[in-house]
Amino acid sequence: VQGQHKALEPNNALLVYAASIAMVITANYLLKKKMSVGLMEPCFDNIHDILKHMQIKMEPLKEEWLYDENKIYENLEKNVKADSLFIIDPNNPTGFTLFAKSKKAYQELLRFAKDKNKLLIFDFCFASFMLPDVNLDVFDLYELLEESGVSYVAIEDTGKTWPVQDTKAALIKCSKDIYPE
């Protein structure tokens, strides 16, 4: 569980066979709700293409807006109009992670989402690459998410780190308010 002990509590997680399928499911939710998305940039993955194909309105969410934990709220408030924020952590291709800052970085992101009624979408597919880094303070983010009361979708995938003859699994974890949909 990579230090994320609350990932399977409460029972609001779904298993699918690939992260790309999880992304399509998430894009379908955004389409159904007519929600726009601020997609983290740079983004070197198929996320942009999936959202574009699904005709989801996108705007940039520049990675540098998250660099200073003391300005995250201010930067997002000034620059983000989208209904949801799509955070890739760690980001591909830069490797940037909010975990490298402190718990405060995530707390500020969650405070902004809660205050502004934003859906948070996380791609944690590369999170396993952070495990060997002893300089990171990897706390239980799912516990923080549940306690904050924000609406969120988190996607994880074994295919990036532990594919076994192309056998893999992806996890979609949702906040309790959107899980039934």
C-alpha atoms as a PDB file:
ATOM      1  CA  VAL A   1       0.000   0.000   0.000  1.00  0.00           C
ATOM      2  CA  GLN A   2       3.103   2.216  -0.172  1.00  0.00           C
ATOM      3  CA  GLY A   3       2.400   3.951   3.132  1.00  0.00           C
ATOM      4  CA  GLN A   4      -1.173   4.691   2.077  1.00  0.00           C
ATOM      5  CA  HIS A   5      -2.948   2.609   4.707  1.00  0.00           C
ATOM      6  CA  LYS A   6      -6.328   4.301   4.199  1.00  0.00           C
ATOM      7  CA  ALA A   7      -6.304   3.583   0.453  1.00  0.00           C
ATOM      8  CA  LEU A   8      -8.771   0.732   0.862  1.00  0.00           C
ATOM      9  CA  GLU A   9     -10.864   2.270   3.661  1.00  0.00           C
ATOM     10  CA  PRO A  10     -13.743   2.917   3.452  1.00  0.00           C
ATOM     11  CA  ASN A  11     -14.765   0.643   0.636  1.00  0.00           C
ATOM     12  CA  ASN A  12     -14.703   3.216  -2.175  1.00  0.00           C
ATOM     13  CA  ALA A  13     -12.122   1.765  -4.541  1.00  0.00           C
ATOM     14  CA  LEU A  14     -12.532   0.040  -7.898  1.00  0.00           C
ATOM     15  CA  LEU A  15     -10.121  -2.209  -9.762  1.00  0.00           C
ATOM     16  CA  VAL A  16      -9.710  -1.954 -13.522  1.00  0.00           C
ATOM     17  CA  TYR A  17      -7.149  -3.573 -15.791  1.00  0.00           C
ATOM     18  CA  ALA A  18      -5.192  -0.477 -16.870  1.00  0.00           C
ATOM     19  CA  ALA A  19      -4.604   3.131 -15.882  1.00  0.00           C
ATOM     20  CA  SER A  20      -5.788   4.229 -19.326  1.00  0.00           C
ATOM     21  CA  ILE A  21      -9.181   2.663 -18.624  1.00  0.00           C
ATOM     22  CA  ALA A  22      -9.274   4.462 -15.270  1.00  0.00           C
ATOM     23  CA  MET A  23      -8.536   7.715 -17.120  1.00  0.00           C
ATOM     24  CA  VAL A  24     -11.396   7.062 -19.560  1.00  0.00           C
ATOM     25  CA  ILE A  25     -13.775   6.327 -16.658  1.00  0.00           C
ATOM     26  CA  THR A  26     -12.706   9.599 -15.027  1.00  0.00           C
ATOM     27  CA  ALA A  27     -13.113  11.499 -18.311  1.00  0.00           C
ATOM     28  CA  ASN A  28     -16.603  10.016 -18.685  1.00  0.00           C
ATOM     29  CA  TYR A  29     -17.468  11.341 -15.227  1.00  0.00           C
ATOM     30  CA  LEU A  30     -16.180  14.811 -16.182  1.00  0.00           C
ATOM     31  CA  LEU A  31     -18.166  14.700 -19.436  1.00  0.00           C
ATOM     32  CA  LYS A  32     -21.341  13.597 -17.644  1.00  0.00           C
ATOM     33  CA  LYS A  33     -20.994  16.436 -15.131  1.00  0.00           C
ATOM     34  CA  LYS A  34     -19.924  18.944 -17.835  1.00  0.00           C
ATOM     35  CA  MET A  35     -16.801  19.755 -15.825  1.00  0.00           C
ATOM     36  CA  SER A  36     -13.675  21.440 -17.111  1.00  0.00           C
ATOM     37  CA  VAL A  37     -10.220  20.405 -15.964  1.00  0.00           C
ATOM     38  CA  GLY A  38      -6.979  22.169 -15.147  1.00  0.00           C
ATOM     39  CA  LEU A  39      -4.391  19.644 -16.327  1.00  0.00           C
ATOM     40  CA  MET A  40      -0.939  19.766 -14.777  1.00  0.00           C
ATOM     41  CA  GLU A  41       1.753  20.858 -17.235  1.00  0.00           C
ATOM     42  CA  PRO A  42       4.050  19.596 -18.476  1.00  0.00           C
ATOM     43  CA  CYS A  43       2.179  16.337 -18.991  1.00  0.00           C
ATOM     44  CA  PHE A  44       3.963  13.596 -20.886  1.00  0.00           C
ATOM     45  CA  ASP A  45       1.285  10.956 -20.971  1.00  0.00           C
ATOM     46  CA  ASN A  46      -1.946  10.032 -22.728  1.00  0.00           C
ATOM     47  CA  ILE A  47      -4.067  11.999 -20.238  1.00  0.00           C
ATOM     48  CA  HIS A  48      -4.230  15.058 -22.478  1.00  0.00           C
ATOM     49  CA  ASP A  49      -5.232  12.963 -25.491  1.00  0.00           C
ATOM     50  CA  ILE A  50      -7.940  11.083 -23.586  1.00  0.00           C
ATOM     51  CA  LEU A  51      -9.449  14.318 -22.238  1.00  0.00           C
ATOM     52  CA  LYS A  52      -9.219  15.989 -25.648  1.00  0.00           C
ATOM     53  CA  HIS A  53     -10.847  12.996 -27.366  1.00  0.00           C
ATOM     54  CA  MET A  54     -13.671  13.109 -24.797  1.00  0.00           C
ATOM     55  CA  GLN A  55     -14.035  16.851 -25.548  1.00  0.00           C
ATOM     56  CA  ILE A  56     -13.333  17.878 -21.962  1.00  0.00           C
ATOM     57  CA  LYS A  57     -12.542  21.580 -21.750  1.00  0.00           C
ATOM     58  CA  MET A  58      -8.952  21.919 -20.522  1.00  0.00           C
ATOM     59  CA  GLU A  59      -6.784  24.691 -19.219  1.00  0.00           C
ATOM     60  CA  PRO A  60      -3.168  24.551 -18.045  1.00  0.00           C
ATOM     61  CA  LEU A  61      -2.300  23.979 -14.412  1.00  0.00           C
ATOM     62  CA  LYS A  62       1.366  24.874 -14.445  1.00  0.00           C
ATOM     63  CA  GLU A  63       3.581  22.736 -12.235  1.00  0.00           C
ATOM     64  CA  GLU A  64       5.449  25.811 -11.002  1.00  0.00           C
ATOM     65  CA  TRP A  65       2.258  27.089  -9.348  1.00  0.00           C
ATOM     66  CA  LEU A  66       2.777  24.255  -6.838  1.00  0.00           C
ATOM     67  CA  TYR A  67       6.485  24.818  -6.135  1.00  0.00           C
ATOM     68  CA  ASP A  68       6.111  27.148  -3.143  1.00  0.00           C
ATOM     69  CA  GLU A  69       3.863  25.595  -0.513  1.00  0.00           C
ATOM     70  CA  ASN A  70       3.189  29.050   0.919  1.00  0.00           C
ATOM     71  CA  LYS A  71       1.797  30.291  -2.421  1.00  0.00           C
ATOM     72  CA  ILE A  72      -0.104  27.247  -3.690  1.00  0.00           C
ATOM     73  CA  TYR A  73      -3.500  28.583  -2.628  1.00  0.00           C
ATOM     74  CA  GLU A  74      -2.781  32.063  -3.982  1.00  0.00           C
ATOM     75  CA  ASN A  75      -1.377  30.750  -7.283  1.00  0.00           C
ATOM     76  CA  LEU A  76      -4.331  28.446  -7.876  1.00  0.00           C
ATOM     77  CA  GLU A  77      -6.860  31.090  -6.905  1.00  0.00           C
ATOM     78  CA  LYS A  78      -5.280  33.555  -9.336  1.00  0.00           C
ATOM     79  CA  ASN A  79      -4.785  31.131 -12.251  1.00  0.00           C
ATOM     80  CA  VAL A  80      -7.308  28.279 -12.187  1.00  0.00           C
ATOM     81  CA  LYS A  81     -10.887  28.637 -13.357  1.00  0.00           C
ATOM     82  CA  ALA A  82     -11.549  24.952 -14.164  1.00  0.00           C
ATOM     83  CA  ASP A  83     -14.026  22.859 -12.192  1.00  0.00           C
ATOM     84  CA  SER A  84     -11.416  20.206 -11.425  1.00  0.00           C
ATOM     85  CA  LEU A  85      -7.655  19.957 -11.031  1.00  0.00           C
ATOM     86  CA  PHE A  86      -5.713  17.018 -12.476  1.00  0.00           C
ATOM     87  CA  ILE A  87      -2.488  16.512 -10.511  1.00  0.00           C
ATOM     88  CA  ILE A  88       0.152  13.997 -11.614  1.00  0.00           C
ATOM     89  CA  ASP A  89       2.318  13.105  -8.615  1.00  0.00           C
ATOM     90  CA  PRO A  90       5.120  12.459  -9.206  1.00  0.00           C
ATOM     91  CA  ASN A  91       4.838  14.256 -12.496  1.00  0.00           C
ATOM     92  CA  ASN A  92       5.983  12.691 -15.728  1.00  0.00           C
ATOM     93  CA  PRO A  93       8.442  13.838 -17.160  1.00  0.00           C
ATOM     94  CA  THR A  94       9.812  16.205 -14.473  1.00  0.00           C
ATOM     95  CA  GLY A  95       9.565  13.986 -11.390  1.00  0.00           C
ATOM     96  CA  PHE A  96       8.143  16.905  -9.373  1.00  0.00           C
ATOM     97  CA  THR A  97       6.207  15.760  -6.318  1.00  0.00           C
ATOM     98  CA  LEU A  98       4.282  17.641  -3.677  1.00  0.00           C
ATOM     99  CA  PHE A  99       5.627  15.076  -1.210  1.00  0.00           C
ATOM    100  CA  ALA A 100       9.078  16.705  -1.618  1.00  0.00           C
ATOM    101  CA  LYS A 101       7.758  19.855   0.021  1.00  0.00           C
ATOM    102  CA  SER A 102       5.898  18.939   3.180  1.00  0.00           C
ATOM    103  CA  LYS A 103       2.447  17.918   4.280  1.00  0.00           C
ATOM    104  CA  LYS A 104       1.564  21.615   4.070  1.00  0.00           C
ATOM    105  CA  ALA A 105       1.782  21.537   0.269  1.00  0.00           C
ATOM    106  CA  TYR A 106      -1.017  18.984   0.100  1.00  0.00           C
ATOM    107  CA  GLN A 107      -2.958  20.724   2.871  1.00  0.00           C
ATOM    108  CA  GLU A 108      -2.934  23.953   0.854  1.00  0.00           C
ATOM    109  CA  LEU A 109      -4.069  22.140  -2.289  1.00  0.00           C
ATOM    110  CA  LEU A 110      -6.905  20.504  -0.338  1.00  0.00           C
ATOM    111  CA  ARG A 111      -7.865  23.798   1.339  1.00  0.00           C
ATOM    112  CA  PHE A 112      -8.138  25.455  -2.083  1.00  0.00           C
ATOM    113  CA  ALA A 113     -10.227  22.581  -3.484  1.00  0.00           C
ATOM    114  CA  LYS A 114     -12.547  22.614  -0.473  1.00  0.00           C
ATOM    115  CA  ASP A 115     -12.971  26.409  -0.411  1.00  0.00           C
ATOM    116  CA  LYS A 116     -13.534  26.669  -4.174  1.00  0.00           C
ATOM    117  CA  ASN A 117     -15.540  23.444  -4.581  1.00  0.00           C
ATOM    118  CA  LYS A 118     -13.037  21.857  -6.994  1.00  0.00           C
ATOM    119  CA  LEU A 119     -12.836  18.174  -7.789  1.00  0.00           C
ATOM    120  CA  LEU A 120      -9.289  16.881  -7.356  1.00  0.00           C
ATOM    121  CA  ILE A 121      -8.074  14.178  -9.727  1.00  0.00           C
ATOM    122  CA  PHE A 122      -4.774  12.488  -8.993  1.00  0.00           C
ATOM    123  CA  ASP A 123      -2.575  10.302 -11.150  1.00  0.00           C
ATOM    124  CA  PHE A 124      -0.367   8.401  -8.702  1.00  0.00           C
ATOM    125  CA  CYS A 125       0.772   5.853 -11.312  1.00  0.00           C
ATOM    126  CA  PHE A 126       4.455   6.660 -10.748  1.00  0.00           C
ATOM    127  CA  ALA A 127       4.221   6.865  -6.934  1.00  0.00           C
ATOM    128  CA  SER A 128       6.145   3.610  -6.441  1.00  0.00           C
ATOM    129  CA  PHE A 129       9.246   5.311  -7.792  1.00  0.00           C
ATOM    130  CA  MET A 130       9.228   7.569  -4.707  1.00  0.00           C
ATOM    131  CA  LEU A 131       9.484   4.718  -2.200  1.00  0.00           C
ATOM    132  CA  PRO A 132      13.289   4.397  -2.214  1.00  0.00           C
ATOM    133  CA  ASP A 133      13.770   8.144  -1.641  1.00  0.00           C
ATOM    134  CA  VAL A 134      14.467   8.545   2.078  1.00  0.00           C
ATOM    135  CA  ASN A 135      14.321  12.346   1.704  1.00  0.00           C
ATOM    136  CA  LEU A 136      10.577  12.304   1.083  1.00  0.00           C
ATOM    137  CA  ASP A 137       8.087  12.442   3.908  1.00  0.00           C
ATOM    138  CA  VAL A 138       5.472  10.138   2.403  1.00  0.00           C
ATOM    139  CA  PHE A 139       2.427  10.397   4.676  1.00  0.00           C
ATOM    140  CA  ASP A 140      -0.964   8.730   4.255  1.00  0.00           C
ATOM    141  CA  LEU A 141      -2.502  11.065   1.687  1.00  0.00           C
ATOM    142  CA  TYR A 142      -5.755   9.076   1.545  1.00  0.00           C
ATOM    143  CA  GLU A 143      -6.259   9.728   5.238  1.00  0.00           C
ATOM    144  CA  LEU A 144      -5.703  13.445   4.611  1.00  0.00           C
ATOM    145  CA  LEU A 145      -8.122  13.377   1.654  1.00  0.00           C
ATOM    146  CA  GLU A 146     -10.856  11.647   3.661  1.00  0.00           C
ATOM    147  CA  GLU A 147     -10.433  14.007   6.624  1.00  0.00           C
ATOM    148  CA  SER A 148     -10.542  17.103   4.386  1.00  0.00           C
ATOM    149  CA  GLY A 149     -13.930  16.295   2.886  1.00  0.00           C
ATOM    150  CA  VAL A 150     -12.857  17.225  -0.668  1.00  0.00           C
ATOM    151  CA  SER A 151     -14.247  15.442  -3.685  1.00  0.00           C
ATOM    152  CA  TYR A 152     -11.526  13.437  -5.378  1.00  0.00           C
ATOM    153  CA  VAL A 153     -10.603  10.672  -7.779  1.00  0.00           C
ATOM    154  CA  ALA A 154      -7.209   9.000  -7.441  1.00  0.00           C
ATOM    155  CA  ILE A 155      -5.724   6.607  -9.977  1.00  0.00           C
ATOM    156  CA  GLU A 156      -2.921   4.181  -9.260  1.00  0.00           C
ATOM    157  CA  ASP A 157      -1.415   1.514 -11.496  1.00  0.00           C
ATOM    158  CA  THR A 158       1.005  -1.384 -11.104  1.00  0.00           C
ATOM    159  CA  GLY A 159       1.797  -1.396 -14.820  1.00  0.00           C
ATOM    160  CA  LYS A 160       4.378   1.380 -14.596  1.00  0.00           C
ATOM    161  CA  THR A 161       6.476  -0.353 -11.968  1.00  0.00           C
ATOM    162  CA  TRP A 162       5.577  -4.041 -11.668  1.00  0.00           C
ATOM    163  CA  PRO A 163       4.243  -5.354 -14.976  1.00  0.00           C
ATOM    164  CA  VAL A 164       4.386  -9.123 -15.080  1.00  0.00           C
ATOM    165  CA  GLN A 165       4.069 -10.372 -18.662  1.00  0.00           C
ATOM    166  CA  ASP A 166       1.757  -7.437 -19.294  1.00  0.00           C
ATOM    167  CA  THR A 167      -0.421  -8.370 -16.325  1.00  0.00           C
ATOM    168  CA  LYS A 168      -1.267  -5.302 -14.303  1.00  0.00           C
ATOM    169  CA  ALA A 169      -3.992  -3.706 -12.221  1.00  0.00           C
ATOM    170  CA  ALA A 170      -5.177  -0.163 -11.755  1.00  0.00           C
ATOM    171  CA  LEU A 171      -7.060   1.277  -8.822  1.00  0.00           C
ATOM    172  CA  ILE A 172      -9.599   4.090  -8.868  1.00  0.00           C
ATOM    173  CA  LYS A 173     -10.228   5.491  -5.411  1.00  0.00           C
ATOM    174  CA  CYS A 174     -13.037   8.042  -5.084  1.00  0.00           C
ATOM    175  CA  SER A 175     -14.376  10.217  -2.337  1.00  0.00           C
ATOM    176  CA  LYS A 176     -17.573   8.927  -0.765  1.00  0.00           C
ATOM    177  CA  ASP A 177     -19.713  11.623  -2.392  1.00  0.00           C
ATOM    178  CA  ILE A 178     -18.936  10.550  -5.971  1.00  0.00           C
ATOM    179  CA  TYR A 179     -18.243   6.814  -5.523  1.00  0.00           C
ATOM    180  CA  PRO A 180     -21.858   5.703  -6.218  1.00  0.00           C
ATOM    181  CA  GLU A 181     -21.733   7.262  -9.692  1.00  0.00           C
END
